Amino acid sequence: MEVDDAQLAEIFKIDMNVPFVEENKLNFIGMCIGRQDYLCGQMALMRRILGYPGMKYEMDEQMTY
């Protein structure tokens, strides 16, 4: 889980062909995180369309979090 800036800056070709996006390991990790956020949002949207709550947080007051 430990990585330094030099490792994150290493070239990681993903062939996006976008001139202002540097294709390195750090940007690839960021894109993966962004993709996960997008998919979670899509699942919440589908739940709302189907009549379910989009997201629900239930707290158990008896537990010490």
PDB file of N, CA and C in Angstrom:
ATOM      1  N   MET A   1       0.811  -1.194   0.000  1.00  0.00           N
ATOM      2  CA  MET A   1       0.000   0.000   0.000  1.00  0.00           C
ATOM      3  C   MET A   1       0.856   1.260   0.000  1.00  0.00           C
ATOM      4  N   GLU A   2       2.162   1.097   0.057  1.00  0.00           N
ATOM      5  CA  GLU A   2       3.030   2.268   0.043  1.00  0.00           C
ATOM      6  C   GLU A   2       3.615   2.428  -1.346  1.00  0.00           C
ATOM      7  N   VAL A   3       3.502   3.626  -1.855  1.00  0.00           N
ATOM      8  CA  VAL A   3       4.022   3.927  -3.178  1.00  0.00           C
ATOM      9  C   VAL A   3       4.537   5.355  -3.156  1.00  0.00           C
ATOM     10  N   ASP A   4       5.567   5.617  -3.929  1.00  0.00           N
ATOM     11  CA  ASP A   4       6.098   6.979  -3.941  1.00  0.00           C
ATOM     12  C   ASP A   4       5.670   7.703  -5.223  1.00  0.00           C
ATOM     13  N   ASP A   5       5.959   8.985  -5.273  1.00  0.00           N
ATOM     14  CA  ASP A   5       5.539   9.817  -6.405  1.00  0.00           C
ATOM     15  C   ASP A   5       6.121   9.337  -7.728  1.00  0.00           C
ATOM     16  N   ALA A   6       7.348   8.824  -7.689  1.00  0.00           N
ATOM     17  CA  ALA A   6       7.982   8.350  -8.924  1.00  0.00           C
ATOM     18  C   ALA A   6       7.227   7.164  -9.506  1.00  0.00           C
ATOM     19  N   GLN A   7       6.780   6.255  -8.655  1.00  0.00           N
ATOM     20  CA  GLN A   7       6.015   5.102  -9.140  1.00  0.00           C
ATOM     21  C   GLN A   7       4.674   5.537  -9.708  1.00  0.00           C
ATOM     22  N   LEU A   8       4.019   6.488  -9.053  1.00  0.00           N
ATOM     23  CA  LEU A   8       2.725   6.963  -9.542  1.00  0.00           C
ATOM     24  C   LEU A   8       2.851   7.719 -10.857  1.00  0.00           C
ATOM     25  N   ALA A   9       4.002   8.318 -11.095  1.00  0.00           N
ATOM     26  CA  ALA A   9       4.222   9.079 -12.317  1.00  0.00           C
ATOM     27  C   ALA A   9       4.627   8.202 -13.496  1.00  0.00           C
ATOM     28  N   GLU A  10       4.855   6.905 -13.274  1.00  0.00           N
ATOM     29  CA  GLU A  10       5.248   6.007 -14.365  1.00  0.00           C
ATOM     30  C   GLU A  10       4.155   5.962 -15.433  1.00  0.00           C
ATOM     31  N   ILE A  11       4.585   5.873 -16.676  1.00  0.00           N
ATOM     32  CA  ILE A  11       3.667   5.800 -17.809  1.00  0.00           C
ATOM     33  C   ILE A  11       2.808   4.542 -17.690  1.00  0.00           C
ATOM     34  N   PHE A  12       1.521   4.709 -17.909  1.00  0.00           N
ATOM     35  CA  PHE A  12       0.572   3.591 -17.910  1.00  0.00           C
ATOM     36  C   PHE A  12      -0.395   3.850 -19.057  1.00  0.00           C
ATOM     37  N   LYS A  13      -0.108   3.272 -20.206  1.00  0.00           N
ATOM     38  CA  LYS A  13      -0.888   3.535 -21.415  1.00  0.00           C
ATOM     39  C   LYS A  13      -2.287   2.945 -21.295  1.00  0.00           C
ATOM     40  N   ILE A  14      -3.273   3.819 -21.491  1.00  0.00           N
ATOM     41  CA  ILE A  14      -4.660   3.366 -21.525  1.00  0.00           C
ATOM     42  C   ILE A  14      -5.328   3.785 -22.835  1.00  0.00           C
ATOM     43  N   ASP A  15      -4.534   4.395 -23.715  1.00  0.00           N
ATOM     44  CA  ASP A  15      -4.961   4.762 -25.073  1.00  0.00           C
ATOM     45  C   ASP A  15      -6.247   5.576 -25.115  1.00  0.00           C
ATOM     46  N   MET A  16      -6.333   6.577 -24.245  1.00  0.00           N
ATOM     47  CA  MET A  16      -7.491   7.471 -24.273  1.00  0.00           C
ATOM     48  C   MET A  16      -7.371   8.475 -25.414  1.00  0.00           C
ATOM     49  N   ASN A  17      -6.134   8.792 -25.797  1.00  0.00           N
ATOM     50  CA  ASN A  17      -5.861   9.760 -26.862  1.00  0.00           C
ATOM     51  C   ASN A  17      -6.470  11.134 -26.564  1.00  0.00           C
ATOM     52  N   VAL A  18      -6.363  11.551 -25.306  1.00  0.00           N
ATOM     53  CA  VAL A  18      -6.792  12.882 -24.896  1.00  0.00           C
ATOM     54  C   VAL A  18      -5.516  13.659 -24.565  1.00  0.00           C
ATOM     55  N   PRO A  19      -5.213  14.714 -25.324  1.00  0.00           N
ATOM     56  CA  PRO A  19      -3.908  15.369 -25.165  1.00  0.00           C
ATOM     57  C   PRO A  19      -3.671  15.987 -23.790  1.00  0.00           C
ATOM     58  N   PHE A  20      -4.692  16.384 -23.066  1.00  0.00           N
ATOM     59  CA  PHE A  20      -4.480  17.037 -21.774  1.00  0.00           C
ATOM     60  C   PHE A  20      -4.535  16.076 -20.593  1.00  0.00           C
ATOM     61  N   VAL A  21      -4.698  14.766 -20.830  1.00  0.00           N
ATOM     62  CA  VAL A  21      -4.698  13.771 -19.755  1.00  0.00           C
ATOM     63  C   VAL A  21      -3.415  12.959 -19.855  1.00  0.00           C
ATOM     64  N   GLU A  22      -2.564  13.107 -18.844  1.00  0.00           N
ATOM     65  CA  GLU A  22      -1.322  12.342 -18.819  1.00  0.00           C
ATOM     66  C   GLU A  22      -1.639  10.901 -18.436  1.00  0.00           C
ATOM     67  N   GLU A  23      -1.201   9.964 -19.241  1.00  0.00           N
ATOM     68  CA  GLU A  23      -1.505   8.555 -18.984  1.00  0.00           C
ATOM     69  C   GLU A  23      -0.433   7.962 -18.072  1.00  0.00           C
ATOM     70  N   ASN A  24      -0.669   8.101 -16.773  1.00  0.00           N
ATOM     71  CA  ASN A  24       0.249   7.524 -15.798  1.00  0.00           C
ATOM     72  C   ASN A  24      -0.558   6.737 -14.765  1.00  0.00           C
ATOM     73  N   LYS A  25       0.151   6.101 -13.861  1.00  0.00           N
ATOM     74  CA  LYS A  25      -0.523   5.246 -12.880  1.00  0.00           C
ATOM     75  C   LYS A  25      -1.440   6.044 -11.956  1.00  0.00           C
ATOM     76  N   LEU A  26      -1.029   7.244 -11.563  1.00  0.00           N
ATOM     77  CA  LEU A  26      -1.860   8.048 -10.671  1.00  0.00           C
ATOM     78  C   LEU A  26      -3.190   8.400 -11.321  1.00  0.00           C
ATOM     79  N   ASN A  27      -3.172   8.829 -12.576  1.00  0.00           N
ATOM     80  CA  ASN A  27      -4.411   9.179 -13.259  1.00  0.00           C
ATOM     81  C   ASN A  27      -5.277   7.948 -13.506  1.00  0.00           C
ATOM     82  N   PHE A  28      -4.663   6.803 -13.734  1.00  0.00           N
ATOM     83  CA  PHE A  28      -5.439   5.575 -13.923  1.00  0.00           C
ATOM     84  C   PHE A  28      -6.184   5.208 -12.638  1.00  0.00           C
ATOM     85  N   ILE A  29      -5.511   5.326 -11.492  1.00  0.00           N
ATOM     86  CA  ILE A  29      -6.165   5.046 -10.210  1.00  0.00           C
ATOM     87  C   ILE A  29      -7.328   6.005 -10.001  1.00  0.00           C
ATOM     88  N   GLY A  30      -7.107   7.273 -10.300  1.00  0.00           N
ATOM     89  CA  GLY A  30      -8.179   8.260 -10.178  1.00  0.00           C
ATOM     90  C   GLY A  30      -9.356   7.948 -11.073  1.00  0.00           C
ATOM     91  N   MET A  31      -9.078   7.491 -12.291  1.00  0.00           N
ATOM     92  CA  MET A  31     -10.165   7.140 -13.205  1.00  0.00           C
ATOM     93  C   MET A  31     -10.948   5.940 -12.677  1.00  0.00           C
ATOM     94  N   CYS A  32     -10.257   4.971 -12.091  1.00  0.00           N
ATOM     95  CA  CYS A  32     -10.948   3.804 -11.527  1.00  0.00           C
ATOM     96  C   CYS A  32     -11.865   4.213 -10.378  1.00  0.00           C
ATOM     97  N   ILE A  33     -11.382   5.109  -9.515  1.00  0.00           N
ATOM     98  CA  ILE A  33     -12.207   5.589  -8.402  1.00  0.00           C
ATOM     99  C   ILE A  33     -13.417   6.344  -8.945  1.00  0.00           C
ATOM    100  N   GLY A  34     -13.198   7.189  -9.945  1.00  0.00           N
ATOM    101  CA  GLY A  34     -14.302   7.930 -10.548  1.00  0.00           C
ATOM    102  C   GLY A  34     -15.318   7.011 -11.188  1.00  0.00           C
ATOM    103  N   ARG A  35     -14.858   5.949 -11.807  1.00  0.00           N
ATOM    104  CA  ARG A  35     -15.772   4.982 -12.433  1.00  0.00           C
ATOM    105  C   ARG A  35     -16.633   4.302 -11.377  1.00  0.00           C
ATOM    106  N   GLN A  36     -16.021   3.948 -10.258  1.00  0.00           N
ATOM    107  CA  GLN A  36     -16.779   3.315  -9.181  1.00  0.00           C
ATOM    108  C   GLN A  36     -17.856   4.265  -8.658  1.00  0.00           C
ATOM    109  N   ASP A  37     -17.506   5.530  -8.478  1.00  0.00           N
ATOM    110  CA  ASP A  37     -18.501   6.517  -8.028  1.00  0.00           C
ATOM    111  C   ASP A  37     -19.656   6.608  -9.014  1.00  0.00           C
ATOM    112  N   TYR A  38     -19.330   6.629 -10.296  1.00  0.00           N
ATOM    113  CA  TYR A  38     -20.357   6.723 -11.333  1.00  0.00           C
ATOM    114  C   TYR A  38     -21.305   5.523 -11.261  1.00  0.00           C
ATOM    115  N   LEU A  39     -20.741   4.322 -11.130  1.00  0.00           N
ATOM    116  CA  LEU A  39     -21.572   3.115 -11.096  1.00  0.00           C
ATOM    117  C   LEU A  39     -22.452   3.076  -9.859  1.00  0.00           C
ATOM    118  N   CYS A  40     -21.933   3.529  -8.713  1.00  0.00           N
ATOM    119  CA  CYS A  40     -22.765   3.594  -7.501  1.00  0.00           C
ATOM    120  C   CYS A  40     -23.926   4.556  -7.712  1.00  0.00           C
ATOM    121  N   GLY A  41     -23.663   5.667  -8.365  1.00  0.00           N
ATOM    122  CA  GLY A  41     -24.730   6.619  -8.658  1.00  0.00           C
ATOM    123  C   GLY A  41     -25.772   6.032  -9.584  1.00  0.00           C
ATOM    124  N   GLN A  42     -25.326   5.264 -10.573  1.00  0.00           N
ATOM    125  CA  GLN A  42     -26.267   4.632 -11.487  1.00  0.00           C
ATOM    126  C   GLN A  42     -27.131   3.609 -10.770  1.00  0.00           C
ATOM    127  N   MET A  43     -26.548   2.857  -9.847  1.00  0.00           N
ATOM    128  CA  MET A  43     -27.340   1.894  -9.078  1.00  0.00           C
ATOM    129  C   MET A  43     -28.366   2.618  -8.210  1.00  0.00           C
ATOM    130  N   ALA A  44     -27.965   3.743  -7.596  1.00  0.00           N
ATOM    131  CA  ALA A  44     -28.913   4.510  -6.780  1.00  0.00           C
ATOM    132  C   ALA A  44     -30.043   5.046  -7.653  1.00  0.00           C
ATOM    133  N   LEU A  45     -29.712   5.511  -8.849  1.00  0.00           N
ATOM    134  CA  LEU A  45     -30.737   6.010  -9.767  1.00  0.00           C
ATOM    135  C   LEU A  45     -31.718   4.905 -10.149  1.00  0.00           C
ATOM    136  N   MET A  46     -31.216   3.727 -10.457  1.00  0.00           N
ATOM    137  CA  MET A  46     -32.092   2.610 -10.810  1.00  0.00           C
ATOM    138  C   MET A  46     -32.979   2.215  -9.634  1.00  0.00           C
ATOM    139  N   ARG A  47     -32.451   2.273  -8.415  1.00  0.00           N
ATOM    140  CA  ARG A  47     -33.276   1.975  -7.252  1.00  0.00           C
ATOM    141  C   ARG A  47     -34.414   2.975  -7.136  1.00  0.00           C
ATOM    142  N   ARG A  48     -34.128   4.251  -7.374  1.00  0.00           N
ATOM    143  CA  ARG A  48     -35.173   5.280  -7.306  1.00  0.00           C
ATOM    144  C   ARG A  48     -36.226   5.049  -8.385  1.00  0.00           C
ATOM    145  N   ILE A  49     -35.795   4.691  -9.584  1.00  0.00           N
ATOM    146  CA  ILE A  49     -36.733   4.427 -10.685  1.00  0.00           C
ATOM    147  C   ILE A  49     -37.649   3.253 -10.342  1.00  0.00           C
ATOM    148  N   LEU A  50     -37.097   2.254  -9.650  1.00  0.00           N
ATOM    149  CA  LEU A  50     -37.879   1.072  -9.282  1.00  0.00           C
ATOM    150  C   LEU A  50     -38.688   1.269  -8.003  1.00  0.00           C
ATOM    151  N   GLY A  51     -38.627   2.469  -7.417  1.00  0.00           N
ATOM    152  CA  GLY A  51     -39.433   2.761  -6.242  1.00  0.00           C
ATOM    153  C   GLY A  51     -38.757   2.468  -4.915  1.00  0.00           C
ATOM    154  N   TYR A  52     -37.480   2.119  -4.935  1.00  0.00           N
ATOM    155  CA  TYR A  52     -36.733   1.882  -3.705  1.00  0.00           C
ATOM    156  C   TYR A  52     -35.999   3.160  -3.317  1.00  0.00           C
ATOM    157  N   PRO A  53     -35.622   3.307  -2.048  1.00  0.00           N
ATOM    158  CA  PRO A  53     -34.816   4.480  -1.694  1.00  0.00           C
ATOM    159  C   PRO A  53     -33.451   4.396  -2.377  1.00  0.00           C
ATOM    160  N   GLY A  54     -32.939   5.547  -2.775  1.00  0.00           N
ATOM    161  CA  GLY A  54     -31.649   5.560  -3.463  1.00  0.00           C
ATOM    162  C   GLY A  54     -30.514   5.105  -2.571  1.00  0.00           C
ATOM    163  N   MET A  55     -30.482   5.590  -1.356  1.00  0.00           N
ATOM    164  CA  MET A  55     -29.451   5.220  -0.395  1.00  0.00           C
ATOM    165  C   MET A  55     -30.054   5.383   0.991  1.00  0.00           C
ATOM    166  N   LYS A  56     -29.695   4.513   1.869  1.00  0.00           N
ATOM    167  CA  LYS A  56     -30.275   4.561   3.201  1.00  0.00           C
ATOM    168  C   LYS A  56     -29.183   4.262   4.218  1.00  0.00           C
ATOM    169  N   TYR A  57     -29.067   5.117   5.194  1.00  0.00           N
ATOM    170  CA  TYR A  57     -28.101   4.926   6.268  1.00  0.00           C
ATOM    171  C   TYR A  57     -28.870   4.722   7.559  1.00  0.00           C
ATOM    172  N   GLU A  58     -28.777   3.557   8.122  1.00  0.00           N
ATOM    173  CA  GLU A  58     -29.443   3.274   9.384  1.00  0.00           C
ATOM    174  C   GLU A  58     -28.391   3.209  10.477  1.00  0.00           C
ATOM    175  N   MET A  59     -28.635   3.927  11.550  1.00  0.00           N
ATOM    176  CA  MET A  59     -27.705   3.937  12.671  1.00  0.00           C
ATOM    177  C   MET A  59     -28.319   3.145  13.814  1.00  0.00           C
ATOM    178  N   ASP A  60     -27.541   2.266  14.386  1.00  0.00           N
ATOM    179  CA  ASP A  60     -27.960   1.535  15.581  1.00  0.00           C
ATOM    180  C   ASP A  60     -27.413   2.299  16.783  1.00  0.00           C
ATOM    181  N   GLU A  61     -28.282   2.974  17.500  1.00  0.00           N
ATOM    182  CA  GLU A  61     -27.875   3.809  18.620  1.00  0.00           C
ATOM    183  C   GLU A  61     -27.255   2.989  19.765  1.00  0.00           C
ATOM    184  N   GLN A  62     -27.501   1.665  19.786  1.00  0.00           N
ATOM    185  CA  GLN A  62     -26.963   0.822  20.840  1.00  0.00           C
ATOM    186  C   GLN A  62     -25.500   0.464  20.608  1.00  0.00           C
ATOM    187  N   MET A  63     -25.028   0.633  19.369  1.00  0.00           N
ATOM    188  CA  MET A  63     -23.633   0.306  19.049  1.00  0.00           C
ATOM    189  C   MET A  63     -22.754   1.528  19.249  1.00  0.00           C
ATOM    190  N   THR A  64     -21.536   1.267  19.663  1.00  0.00           N
ATOM    191  CA  THR A  64     -20.563   2.360  19.768  1.00  0.00           C
ATOM    192  C   THR A  64     -19.681   2.285  18.519  1.00  0.00           C
ATOM    193  N   TYR A  65     -19.972   3.155  17.587  1.00  0.00           N
ATOM    194  CA  TYR A  65     -19.238   3.150  16.319  1.00  0.00           C
ATOM    195  C   TYR A  65     -17.854   3.688  16.493  1.00  0.00           C
TER     196      TYR A  65
END
